[in-house]
Amino acid sequence: MDQTDDIPNDYYLFKSCVADSLYPGIELSVKYVLDQINAGYKEDPRQSSCAGFGVYSGVVPLETNLALNARNISLASETENTDLVCLCSSCYSNLKHCQKLLSKEKNLEKDAKVIMKKIGMDYKIDLDIRHVSDVFLSRINDLKNTDQMYSLSGINVVTHHGCHYSKFFFKDIISGTFERPTVLDEILKGLGCDVVDYSEQFLCCGGGLHGSVIDCEYSRETLLRKLSSINEVKPDIIITQCPGCSFNLEHYQEHLIEESYMDGYIPVLYISELISILMGADPENLGIDMHVVPIEPFIRKLKVIK
């Protein structure tokens, strides 16, 4: 059975504080795409941040993280027959990590249940947690059947998969392996695009969170390797699935453009931002035009589908 067959068509959309702070176009474009393919989704104003940025930076204690996300996952579980769908790779890995620990460590589960009872909520964490790129791949036929206005024909695209998506819960990757994830590649190929490989395709973006704090030079060198490798194949666009990766790959180009021998800036888009543009969305209406590296030159290269 195909690994995408069990993904439903209704979702609890888990908002990302990093995405909304840096790239509001990510959430807006995700909802635009889901609307275009008639997928159901719920937005819950009660949801809090997963605190993943603080967790992976080493400042949020384990007990706090578990209690916080026992509540978040339980909120999502109130909606029957849905999956919790993350826009951020760190949300994805943090929520799944909390779910796994609470399911296996009875003492931790007991403490979380006590806290949940105090705030008057039912403890229920048995649901599937997915990344939105998994949803897009599972619905690739629906994406292709929408009235797309633009084609990626003749466009060179490179992909970057987030480490927090592929490296932690590697058994749950629905396409490729933790060493060579291909979820983004398969989505793009399904939309008629040729994806260009490059030598450091599966290298981290250099974000590192806590690692970047204690050794910023190592993070910088990693990002330089990444951008230099991307530059070798001269892509028109870099496609990501993580807002943090998008930030690193885009914002720091100015500081590394000479050392990486880049001829010019390379635009970076999150996968839903690209798909929404192909579907004819106005980038300005969705906030996609707020990227540091302008996307207008890339859009001008797209071919209109007759």
C-alpha atoms as a PDB file:
ATOM      1  CA  MET A   1       0.000   0.000   0.000  1.00  0.00           C
ATOM      2  CA  ASP A   2       1.182   3.508  -0.807  1.00  0.00           C
ATOM      3  CA  GLN A   3       2.320   5.341   2.325  1.00  0.00           C
ATOM      4  CA  THR A   4       0.040   8.262   1.455  1.00  0.00           C
ATOM      5  CA  ASP A   5      -3.148   6.176   1.245  1.00  0.00           C
ATOM      6  CA  ASP A   6      -4.049   6.566   4.923  1.00  0.00           C
ATOM      7  CA  ILE A   7      -3.822  10.363   5.012  1.00  0.00           C
ATOM      8  CA  PRO A   8      -7.355  11.792   5.375  1.00  0.00           C
ATOM      9  CA  ASN A   9      -8.759  14.893   3.713  1.00  0.00           C
ATOM     10  CA  ASP A  10      -9.587  16.845   6.882  1.00  0.00           C
ATOM     11  CA  TYR A  11      -6.917  18.453   9.024  1.00  0.00           C
ATOM     12  CA  TYR A  12      -6.292  20.292  12.267  1.00  0.00           C
ATOM     13  CA  LEU A  13      -3.989  23.042  11.031  1.00  0.00           C
ATOM     14  CA  PHE A  14      -1.246  23.611  13.596  1.00  0.00           C
ATOM     15  CA  LYS A  15       0.005  27.171  13.305  1.00  0.00           C
ATOM     16  CA  SER A  16       3.719  27.978  13.500  1.00  0.00           C
ATOM     17  CA  CYS A  17       5.035  30.951  15.479  1.00  0.00           C
ATOM     18  CA  VAL A  18       8.232  30.965  13.397  1.00  0.00           C
ATOM     19  CA  ALA A  19       6.338  30.848  10.103  1.00  0.00           C
ATOM     20  CA  ASP A  20       3.854  33.542  11.088  1.00  0.00           C
ATOM     21  CA  SER A  21       6.611  35.785  12.452  1.00  0.00           C
ATOM     22  CA  LEU A  22       8.948  35.476   9.473  1.00  0.00           C
ATOM     23  CA  TYR A  23       6.773  34.453   6.528  1.00  0.00           C
ATOM     24  CA  PRO A  24       3.013  35.073   6.871  1.00  0.00           C
ATOM     25  CA  GLY A  25       2.692  33.850   3.291  1.00  0.00           C
ATOM     26  CA  ILE A  26       3.355  30.283   4.419  1.00  0.00           C
ATOM     27  CA  GLU A  27       0.156  29.870   6.402  1.00  0.00           C
ATOM     28  CA  LEU A  28      -1.908  31.931   3.959  1.00  0.00           C
ATOM     29  CA  SER A  29      -0.662  29.922   0.982  1.00  0.00           C
ATOM     30  CA  VAL A  30      -1.246  26.598   2.760  1.00  0.00           C
ATOM     31  CA  LYS A  31      -4.876  27.560   3.342  1.00  0.00           C
ATOM     32  CA  TYR A  32      -5.173  28.811  -0.239  1.00  0.00           C
ATOM     33  CA  VAL A  33      -3.947  25.484  -1.623  1.00  0.00           C
ATOM     34  CA  LEU A  34      -6.181  23.434   0.697  1.00  0.00           C
ATOM     35  CA  ASP A  35      -9.165  25.530  -0.359  1.00  0.00           C
ATOM     36  CA  GLN A  36      -8.336  24.954  -4.025  1.00  0.00           C
ATOM     37  CA  ILE A  37      -8.372  21.168  -3.580  1.00  0.00           C
ATOM     38  CA  ASN A  38     -11.488  21.250  -1.353  1.00  0.00           C
ATOM     39  CA  ALA A  39      -9.691  19.872   1.687  1.00  0.00           C
ATOM     40  CA  GLY A  40     -11.231  20.478   5.083  1.00  0.00           C
ATOM     41  CA  TYR A  41      -9.195  22.099   7.821  1.00  0.00           C
ATOM     42  CA  LYS A  42      -9.773  23.583  11.254  1.00  0.00           C
ATOM     43  CA  GLU A  43      -8.065  26.596  12.774  1.00  0.00           C
ATOM     44  CA  ASP A  44      -8.142  26.618  16.561  1.00  0.00           C
ATOM     45  CA  PRO A  45      -7.596  29.933  18.414  1.00  0.00           C
ATOM     46  CA  ARG A  46      -6.947  27.950  21.605  1.00  0.00           C
ATOM     47  CA  GLN A  47      -3.749  26.412  20.196  1.00  0.00           C
ATOM     48  CA  SER A  48      -0.483  27.692  21.628  1.00  0.00           C
ATOM     49  CA  SER A  49       3.031  27.577  20.248  1.00  0.00           C
ATOM     50  CA  CYS A  50       4.642  24.169  20.566  1.00  0.00           C
ATOM     51  CA  ALA A  51       7.665  25.976  22.114  1.00  0.00           C
ATOM     52  CA  GLY A  52       9.918  24.057  19.756  1.00  0.00           C
ATOM     53  CA  PHE A  53      12.287  26.959  19.204  1.00  0.00           C
ATOM     54  CA  GLY A  54      12.842  27.220  22.959  1.00  0.00           C
ATOM     55  CA  VAL A  55      13.101  23.457  23.359  1.00  0.00           C
ATOM     56  CA  TYR A  56      15.736  23.028  20.670  1.00  0.00           C
ATOM     57  CA  SER A  57      17.583  26.086  21.940  1.00  0.00           C
ATOM     58  CA  GLY A  58      17.816  24.458  25.362  1.00  0.00           C
ATOM     59  CA  VAL A  59      15.750  26.959  27.379  1.00  0.00           C
ATOM     60  CA  VAL A  60      12.368  25.183  27.769  1.00  0.00           C
ATOM     61  CA  PRO A  61      12.382  22.293  30.319  1.00  0.00           C
ATOM     62  CA  LEU A  62      11.133  18.838  29.324  1.00  0.00           C
ATOM     63  CA  GLU A  63       8.235  18.853  31.784  1.00  0.00           C
ATOM     64  CA  THR A  64       6.980  22.203  30.474  1.00  0.00           C
ATOM     65  CA  ASN A  65       7.263  21.014  26.889  1.00  0.00           C
ATOM     66  CA  LEU A  66       5.325  17.812  27.610  1.00  0.00           C
ATOM     67  CA  ALA A  67       2.509  19.533  29.494  1.00  0.00           C
ATOM     68  CA  LEU A  68       2.180  22.245  26.858  1.00  0.00           C
ATOM     69  CA  ASN A  69       1.954  19.800  23.996  1.00  0.00           C
ATOM     70  CA  ALA A  70      -0.233  17.289  25.807  1.00  0.00           C
ATOM     71  CA  ARG A  71      -2.697  20.170  25.768  1.00  0.00           C
ATOM     72  CA  ASN A  72      -2.035  21.050  22.101  1.00  0.00           C
ATOM     73  CA  ILE A  73      -2.389  17.464  20.895  1.00  0.00           C
ATOM     74  CA  SER A  74      -5.498  16.938  23.040  1.00  0.00           C
ATOM     75  CA  LEU A  75      -7.081  20.031  21.484  1.00  0.00           C
ATOM     76  CA  ALA A  76      -6.491  18.564  18.039  1.00  0.00           C
ATOM     77  CA  SER A  77      -7.940  15.227  19.174  1.00  0.00           C
ATOM     78  CA  GLU A  78     -11.274  16.875  19.950  1.00  0.00           C
ATOM     79  CA  THR A  79     -11.928  17.007  16.195  1.00  0.00           C
ATOM     80  CA  GLU A  80     -12.735  13.459  15.093  1.00  0.00           C
ATOM     81  CA  ASN A  81     -11.199  11.818  12.017  1.00  0.00           C
ATOM     82  CA  THR A  82      -8.563  14.447  11.438  1.00  0.00           C
ATOM     83  CA  ASP A  83      -4.788  14.535  11.421  1.00  0.00           C
ATOM     84  CA  LEU A  84      -2.770  17.260  13.134  1.00  0.00           C
ATOM     85  CA  VAL A  85      -0.890  18.931  10.284  1.00  0.00           C
ATOM     86  CA  CYS A  86       2.214  21.061  10.917  1.00  0.00           C
ATOM     87  CA  LEU A  87       3.609  23.839   8.745  1.00  0.00           C
ATOM     88  CA  CYS A  88       6.951  23.881  10.573  1.00  0.00           C
ATOM     89  CA  SER A  89       9.448  21.036  10.733  1.00  0.00           C
ATOM     90  CA  SER A  90      10.318  21.899  14.345  1.00  0.00           C
ATOM     91  CA  CYS A  91       6.643  21.777  15.352  1.00  0.00           C
ATOM     92  CA  TYR A  92       6.411  18.431  13.599  1.00  0.00           C
ATOM     93  CA  SER A  93       9.387  16.883  15.388  1.00  0.00           C
ATOM     94  CA  ASN A  94       8.621  18.440  18.784  1.00  0.00           C
ATOM     95  CA  LEU A  95       4.975  17.364  18.824  1.00  0.00           C
ATOM     96  CA  LYS A  96       5.837  13.842  17.703  1.00  0.00           C
ATOM     97  CA  HIS A  97       8.602  13.647  20.305  1.00  0.00           C
ATOM     98  CA  CYS A  98       6.200  14.706  23.060  1.00  0.00           C
ATOM     99  CA  GLN A  99       3.598  12.224  21.859  1.00  0.00           C
ATOM    100  CA  LYS A 100       6.146   9.400  21.842  1.00  0.00           C
ATOM    101  CA  LEU A 101       7.521  10.195  25.310  1.00  0.00           C
ATOM    102  CA  LEU A 102       4.064  10.514  26.856  1.00  0.00           C
ATOM    103  CA  SER A 103       3.003   7.221  25.280  1.00  0.00           C
ATOM    104  CA  LYS A 104       6.063   5.279  26.494  1.00  0.00           C
ATOM    105  CA  GLU A 105       7.015   6.857  29.817  1.00  0.00           C
ATOM    106  CA  LYS A 106       4.193   6.245  32.308  1.00  0.00           C
ATOM    107  CA  ASN A 107       5.572   8.600  34.946  1.00  0.00           C
ATOM    108  CA  LEU A 108       5.677  11.450  32.432  1.00  0.00           C
ATOM    109  CA  GLU A 109       2.196  10.589  31.204  1.00  0.00           C
ATOM    110  CA  LYS A 110       0.886  10.566  34.778  1.00  0.00           C
ATOM    111  CA  ASP A 111       2.250  14.058  35.443  1.00  0.00           C
ATOM    112  CA  ALA A 112       0.760  15.371  32.208  1.00  0.00           C
ATOM    113  CA  LYS A 113      -2.644  13.891  33.016  1.00  0.00           C
ATOM    114  CA  VAL A 114      -2.629  15.598  36.416  1.00  0.00           C
ATOM    115  CA  ILE A 115      -1.964  18.958  34.778  1.00  0.00           C
ATOM    116  CA  MET A 116      -4.617  18.366  32.127  1.00  0.00           C
ATOM    117  CA  LYS A 117      -7.171  17.536  34.819  1.00  0.00           C
ATOM    118  CA  LYS A 118      -6.324  20.752  36.685  1.00  0.00           C
ATOM    119  CA  ILE A 119      -7.113  22.828  33.608  1.00  0.00           C
ATOM    120  CA  GLY A 120     -10.322  20.901  32.928  1.00  0.00           C
ATOM    121  CA  MET A 121      -9.280  19.122  29.746  1.00  0.00           C
ATOM    122  CA  ASP A 122      -9.478  15.516  28.630  1.00  0.00           C
ATOM    123  CA  TYR A 123      -6.109  13.909  27.944  1.00  0.00           C
ATOM    124  CA  LYS A 124      -6.173  12.366  24.477  1.00  0.00           C
ATOM    125  CA  ILE A 125      -3.043  12.232  22.357  1.00  0.00           C
ATOM    126  CA  ASP A 126      -3.650   9.269  20.050  1.00  0.00           C
ATOM    127  CA  LEU A 127      -3.806  10.857  16.607  1.00  0.00           C
ATOM    128  CA  ASP A 128      -1.533  11.132  13.579  1.00  0.00           C
ATOM    129  CA  ILE A 129       0.840  14.091  13.392  1.00  0.00           C
ATOM    130  CA  ARG A 130       1.955  14.972   9.873  1.00  0.00           C
ATOM    131  CA  HIS A 131       3.802  17.641   7.956  1.00  0.00           C
ATOM    132  CA  VAL A 132       1.848  19.572   5.356  1.00  0.00           C
ATOM    133  CA  SER A 133       4.266  18.470   2.618  1.00  0.00           C
ATOM    134  CA  ASP A 134       3.086  14.892   3.276  1.00  0.00           C
ATOM    135  CA  VAL A 135      -0.467  16.081   2.714  1.00  0.00           C
ATOM    136  CA  PHE A 136       0.477  17.763  -0.566  1.00  0.00           C
ATOM    137  CA  LEU A 137       2.172  14.611  -1.830  1.00  0.00           C
ATOM    138  CA  SER A 138      -0.831  12.496  -0.860  1.00  0.00           C
ATOM    139  CA  ARG A 139      -3.079  14.908  -2.774  1.00  0.00           C
ATOM    140  CA  ILE A 140      -0.823  15.335  -5.804  1.00  0.00           C
ATOM    141  CA  ASN A 141      -3.582  14.314  -8.224  1.00  0.00           C
ATOM    142  CA  ASP A 142      -5.878  16.960  -6.752  1.00  0.00           C
ATOM    143  CA  LEU A 143      -3.113  19.556  -7.096  1.00  0.00           C
ATOM    144  CA  LYS A 144      -2.620  18.637 -10.747  1.00  0.00           C
ATOM    145  CA  ASN A 145      -6.345  18.774 -11.493  1.00  0.00           C
ATOM    146  CA  THR A 146      -6.835  22.363 -10.351  1.00  0.00           C
ATOM    147  CA  ASP A 147      -6.940  25.117 -12.963  1.00  0.00           C
ATOM    148  CA  GLN A 148      -3.246  25.943 -12.820  1.00  0.00           C
ATOM    149  CA  MET A 149      -2.271  29.194 -14.524  1.00  0.00           C
ATOM    150  CA  TYR A 150       1.470  28.618 -14.646  1.00  0.00           C
ATOM    151  CA  SER A 151       3.873  25.861 -15.598  1.00  0.00           C
ATOM    152  CA  LEU A 152       7.331  25.041 -14.205  1.00  0.00           C
ATOM    153  CA  SER A 153       8.484  23.903 -17.623  1.00  0.00           C
ATOM    154  CA  GLY A 154      12.067  25.000 -18.234  1.00  0.00           C
ATOM    155  CA  ILE A 155      12.568  26.082 -14.606  1.00  0.00           C
ATOM    156  CA  ASN A 156      15.509  24.731 -12.612  1.00  0.00           C
ATOM    157  CA  VAL A 157      14.393  23.906  -9.077  1.00  0.00           C
ATOM    158  CA  VAL A 158      16.420  22.617  -6.125  1.00  0.00           C
ATOM    159  CA  THR A 159      14.922  21.349  -2.868  1.00  0.00           C
ATOM    160  CA  HIS A 160      15.943  21.458   0.750  1.00  0.00           C
ATOM    161  CA  HIS A 161      14.299  19.161   3.319  1.00  0.00           C
ATOM    162  CA  GLY A 162      14.379  20.227   6.962  1.00  0.00           C
ATOM    163  CA  CYS A 163      16.455  18.123   9.354  1.00  0.00           C
ATOM    164  CA  HIS A 164      13.653  18.221  11.932  1.00  0.00           C
ATOM    165  CA  TYR A 165      11.412  16.583   9.355  1.00  0.00           C
ATOM    166  CA  SER A 166      13.711  13.865   8.088  1.00  0.00           C
ATOM    167  CA  LYS A 167      16.341  13.122  10.729  1.00  0.00           C
ATOM    168  CA  PHE A 168      14.297  12.522  13.906  1.00  0.00           C
ATOM    169  CA  PHE A 169      11.301  10.402  12.872  1.00  0.00           C
ATOM    170  CA  PHE A 170      12.916   8.844   9.848  1.00  0.00           C
ATOM    171  CA  LYS A 171      10.566   5.846   9.755  1.00  0.00           C
ATOM    172  CA  ASP A 172       7.650   8.191   9.093  1.00  0.00           C
ATOM    173  CA  ILE A 173       9.062   9.745   5.913  1.00  0.00           C
ATOM    174  CA  ILE A 174       6.602   8.933   3.139  1.00  0.00           C
ATOM    175  CA  SER A 175       9.045   9.322   0.246  1.00  0.00           C
ATOM    176  CA  GLY A 176      12.759   8.593   0.268  1.00  0.00           C
ATOM    177  CA  THR A 177      14.826   7.972   3.388  1.00  0.00           C
ATOM    178  CA  PHE A 178      16.208  10.064   6.238  1.00  0.00           C
ATOM    179  CA  GLU A 179      19.462  10.328   4.274  1.00  0.00           C
ATOM    180  CA  ARG A 180      17.720  11.151   0.993  1.00  0.00           C
ATOM    181  CA  PRO A 181      14.175  12.459   1.614  1.00  0.00           C
ATOM    182  CA  THR A 182      12.311  13.060  -1.644  1.00  0.00           C
ATOM    183  CA  VAL A 183       8.913  14.375  -0.537  1.00  0.00           C
ATOM    184  CA  LEU A 184       9.410  17.842  -2.050  1.00  0.00           C
ATOM    185  CA  ASP A 185      11.002  16.352  -5.171  1.00  0.00           C
ATOM    186  CA  GLU A 186       8.021  14.065  -5.773  1.00  0.00           C
ATOM    187  CA  ILE A 187       5.544  16.921  -5.320  1.00  0.00           C
ATOM    188  CA  LEU A 188       7.425  19.051  -7.840  1.00  0.00           C
ATOM    189  CA  LYS A 189       7.828  16.199 -10.300  1.00  0.00           C
ATOM    190  CA  GLY A 190       4.101  15.523  -9.990  1.00  0.00           C
ATOM    191  CA  LEU A 191       3.526  19.133 -11.023  1.00  0.00           C
ATOM    192  CA  GLY A 192       5.651  18.654 -14.141  1.00  0.00           C
ATOM    193  CA  CYS A 193       8.950  20.004 -12.881  1.00  0.00           C
ATOM    194  CA  ASP A 194      12.465  18.630 -13.312  1.00  0.00           C
ATOM    195  CA  VAL A 195      14.276  18.822  -9.971  1.00  0.00           C
ATOM    196  CA  VAL A 196      18.021  19.453 -10.148  1.00  0.00           C
ATOM    197  CA  ASP A 197      20.286  17.499  -7.795  1.00  0.00           C
ATOM    198  CA  TYR A 198      23.313  19.114  -6.147  1.00  0.00           C
ATOM    199  CA  SER A 199      26.205  17.747  -4.110  1.00  0.00           C
ATOM    200  CA  GLU A 200      25.093  19.051  -0.678  1.00  0.00           C
ATOM    201  CA  GLN A 201      21.399  18.419  -1.235  1.00  0.00           C
ATOM    202  CA  PHE A 202      20.938  16.711   2.119  1.00  0.00           C
ATOM    203  CA  LEU A 203      23.184  18.934   4.209  1.00  0.00           C
ATOM    204  CA  CYS A 204      21.613  20.967   7.036  1.00  0.00           C
ATOM    205  CA  CYS A 205      20.918  24.645   6.326  1.00  0.00           C
ATOM    206  CA  GLY A 206      23.157  25.521   9.271  1.00  0.00           C
ATOM    207  CA  GLY A 207      20.294  26.645  11.527  1.00  0.00           C
ATOM    208  CA  GLY A 208      21.233  24.408  14.413  1.00  0.00           C
ATOM    209  CA  LEU A 209      19.335  26.478  17.025  1.00  0.00           C
ATOM    210  CA  HIS A 210      21.267  25.643  20.218  1.00  0.00           C
ATOM    211  CA  GLY A 211      24.227  24.528  18.131  1.00  0.00           C
ATOM    212  CA  SER A 212      24.315  27.846  16.306  1.00  0.00           C
ATOM    213  CA  VAL A 213      24.374  29.673  19.634  1.00  0.00           C
ATOM    214  CA  ILE A 214      27.367  27.794  21.030  1.00  0.00           C
ATOM    215  CA  ASP A 215      29.286  27.614  17.742  1.00  0.00           C
ATOM    216  CA  CYS A 216      28.022  30.190  15.260  1.00  0.00           C
ATOM    217  CA  GLU A 217      31.074  29.787  13.030  1.00  0.00           C
ATOM    218  CA  TYR A 218      30.290  26.117  12.424  1.00  0.00           C
ATOM    219  CA  SER A 219      26.725  27.046  11.441  1.00  0.00           C
ATOM    220  CA  ARG A 220      28.055  29.719   9.115  1.00  0.00           C
ATOM    221  CA  GLU A 221      30.450  27.292   7.438  1.00  0.00           C
ATOM    222  CA  THR A 222      27.649  24.762   6.982  1.00  0.00           C
ATOM    223  CA  LEU A 223      25.400  27.320   5.322  1.00  0.00           C
ATOM    224  CA  LEU A 224      28.286  28.460   3.113  1.00  0.00           C
ATOM    225  CA  ARG A 225      28.819  24.877   1.937  1.00  0.00           C
ATOM    226  CA  LYS A 226      25.116  24.579   1.260  1.00  0.00           C
ATOM    227  CA  LEU A 227      24.787  27.796  -0.742  1.00  0.00           C
ATOM    228  CA  SER A 228      28.034  27.155  -2.660  1.00  0.00           C
ATOM    229  CA  SER A 229      26.751  23.739  -3.692  1.00  0.00           C
ATOM    230  CA  ILE A 230      23.382  25.160  -4.753  1.00  0.00           C
ATOM    231  CA  ASN A 231      25.119  27.870  -6.753  1.00  0.00           C
ATOM    232  CA  GLU A 232      26.994  25.250  -8.784  1.00  0.00           C
ATOM    233  CA  VAL A 233      23.776  24.114 -10.493  1.00  0.00           C
ATOM    234  CA  LYS A 234      22.409  27.668 -11.044  1.00  0.00           C
ATOM    235  CA  PRO A 235      18.783  27.095  -9.998  1.00  0.00           C
ATOM    236  CA  ASP A 236      15.962  29.539 -10.569  1.00  0.00           C
ATOM    237  CA  ILE A 237      14.446  28.836  -7.149  1.00  0.00           C
ATOM    238  CA  ILE A 238      15.099  26.988  -3.855  1.00  0.00           C
ATOM    239  CA  ILE A 239      12.076  25.150  -2.399  1.00  0.00           C
ATOM    240  CA  THR A 240      11.833  24.344   1.314  1.00  0.00           C
ATOM    241  CA  GLN A 241       9.399  22.800   3.790  1.00  0.00           C
ATOM    242  CA  CYS A 242      10.603  24.634   6.920  1.00  0.00           C
ATOM    243  CA  PRO A 243      10.279  28.363   7.730  1.00  0.00           C
ATOM    244  CA  GLY A 244      13.528  28.298   9.703  1.00  0.00           C
ATOM    245  CA  CYS A 245      15.405  26.785   6.776  1.00  0.00           C
ATOM    246  CA  SER A 246      13.810  29.359   4.464  1.00  0.00           C
ATOM    247  CA  PHE A 247      15.087  32.123   6.720  1.00  0.00           C
ATOM    248  CA  ASN A 248      18.663  30.803   6.795  1.00  0.00           C
ATOM    249  CA  LEU A 249      18.853  30.098   3.083  1.00  0.00           C
ATOM    250  CA  GLU A 250      17.383  33.471   2.152  1.00  0.00           C
ATOM    251  CA  HIS A 251      18.365  36.084   4.736  1.00  0.00           C
ATOM    252  CA  TYR A 252      22.046  35.189   4.920  1.00  0.00           C
ATOM    253  CA  GLN A 253      22.672  35.146   1.170  1.00  0.00           C
ATOM    254  CA  GLU A 254      23.763  38.782   1.313  1.00  0.00           C
ATOM    255  CA  HIS A 255      26.487  37.955   3.841  1.00  0.00           C
ATOM    256  CA  LEU A 256      27.767  34.919   1.938  1.00  0.00           C
ATOM    257  CA  ILE A 257      27.199  35.854  -1.692  1.00  0.00           C
ATOM    258  CA  GLU A 258      30.869  36.606  -2.417  1.00  0.00           C
ATOM    259  CA  GLU A 259      32.302  33.596  -0.591  1.00  0.00           C
ATOM    260  CA  SER A 260      29.826  31.229  -2.234  1.00  0.00           C
ATOM    261  CA  TYR A 261      30.653  32.697  -5.683  1.00  0.00           C
ATOM    262  CA  MET A 262      26.967  33.332  -6.352  1.00  0.00           C
ATOM    263  CA  ASP A 263      26.260  35.417  -9.445  1.00  0.00           C
ATOM    264  CA  GLY A 264      23.197  36.899  -7.759  1.00  0.00           C
ATOM    265  CA  TYR A 265      20.532  36.199  -5.197  1.00  0.00           C
ATOM    266  CA  ILE A 266      18.475  33.008  -5.520  1.00  0.00           C
ATOM    267  CA  PRO A 267      14.848  33.295  -4.373  1.00  0.00           C
ATOM    268  CA  VAL A 268      13.597  30.867  -1.710  1.00  0.00           C
ATOM    269  CA  LEU A 269       9.985  29.735  -1.434  1.00  0.00           C
ATOM    270  CA  TYR A 270       8.189  27.365   0.915  1.00  0.00           C
ATOM    271  CA  ILE A 271       6.446  24.571  -0.997  1.00  0.00           C
ATOM    272  CA  SER A 272       2.909  25.947  -0.467  1.00  0.00           C
ATOM    273  CA  GLU A 273       3.989  29.409  -1.610  1.00  0.00           C
ATOM    274  CA  LEU A 274       5.188  27.965  -4.907  1.00  0.00           C
ATOM    275  CA  ILE A 275       2.072  25.835  -5.412  1.00  0.00           C
ATOM    276  CA  SER A 276      -0.243  28.767  -4.701  1.00  0.00           C
ATOM    277  CA  ILE A 277       1.611  30.898  -7.268  1.00  0.00           C
ATOM    278  CA  LEU A 278       1.273  28.121  -9.855  1.00  0.00           C
ATOM    279  CA  MET A 279      -2.460  28.069  -9.085  1.00  0.00           C
ATOM    280  CA  GLY A 280      -2.687  31.754  -9.929  1.00  0.00           C
ATOM    281  CA  ALA A 281      -2.704  33.292  -6.453  1.00  0.00           C
ATOM    282  CA  ASP A 282      -1.707  36.926  -6.172  1.00  0.00           C
ATOM    283  CA  PRO A 283       1.595  36.890  -4.209  1.00  0.00           C
ATOM    284  CA  GLU A 284       0.822  40.287  -2.729  1.00  0.00           C
ATOM    285  CA  ASN A 285      -2.554  39.159  -1.375  1.00  0.00           C
ATOM    286  CA  LEU A 286      -0.913  36.186   0.334  1.00  0.00           C
ATOM    287  CA  GLY A 287       2.096  38.087   1.636  1.00  0.00           C
ATOM    288  CA  ILE A 288       4.496  36.050  -0.477  1.00  0.00           C
ATOM    289  CA  ASP A 289       6.003  39.263  -1.840  1.00  0.00           C
ATOM    290  CA  MET A 290       7.471  39.965   1.629  1.00  0.00           C
ATOM    291  CA  HIS A 291      10.487  37.736   1.005  1.00  0.00           C
ATOM    292  CA  VAL A 292      13.890  39.395   1.343  1.00  0.00           C
ATOM    293  CA  VAL A 293      15.018  38.061  -2.037  1.00  0.00           C
ATOM    294  CA  PRO A 294      12.466  39.382  -4.588  1.00  0.00           C
ATOM    295  CA  ILE A 295      10.351  36.686  -6.233  1.00  0.00           C
ATOM    296  CA  GLU A 296       9.119  38.802  -9.152  1.00  0.00           C
ATOM    297  CA  PRO A 297      12.022  37.829 -11.484  1.00  0.00           C
ATOM    298  CA  PHE A 298      11.224  34.160 -10.846  1.00  0.00           C
ATOM    299  CA  ILE A 299       7.506  34.629 -11.510  1.00  0.00           C
ATOM    300  CA  ARG A 300       8.306  36.321 -14.824  1.00  0.00           C
ATOM    301  CA  LYS A 301      10.096  33.126 -15.914  1.00  0.00           C
ATOM    302  CA  LEU A 302       6.990  30.982 -15.400  1.00  0.00           C
ATOM    303  CA  LYS A 303       5.060  29.995 -18.507  1.00  0.00           C
ATOM    304  CA  VAL A 304       1.343  30.581 -18.732  1.00  0.00           C
ATOM    305  CA  ILE A 305      -0.609  27.383 -19.387  1.00  0.00           C
ATOM    306  CA  LYS A 306      -2.759  27.863 -22.480  1.00  0.00           C
END
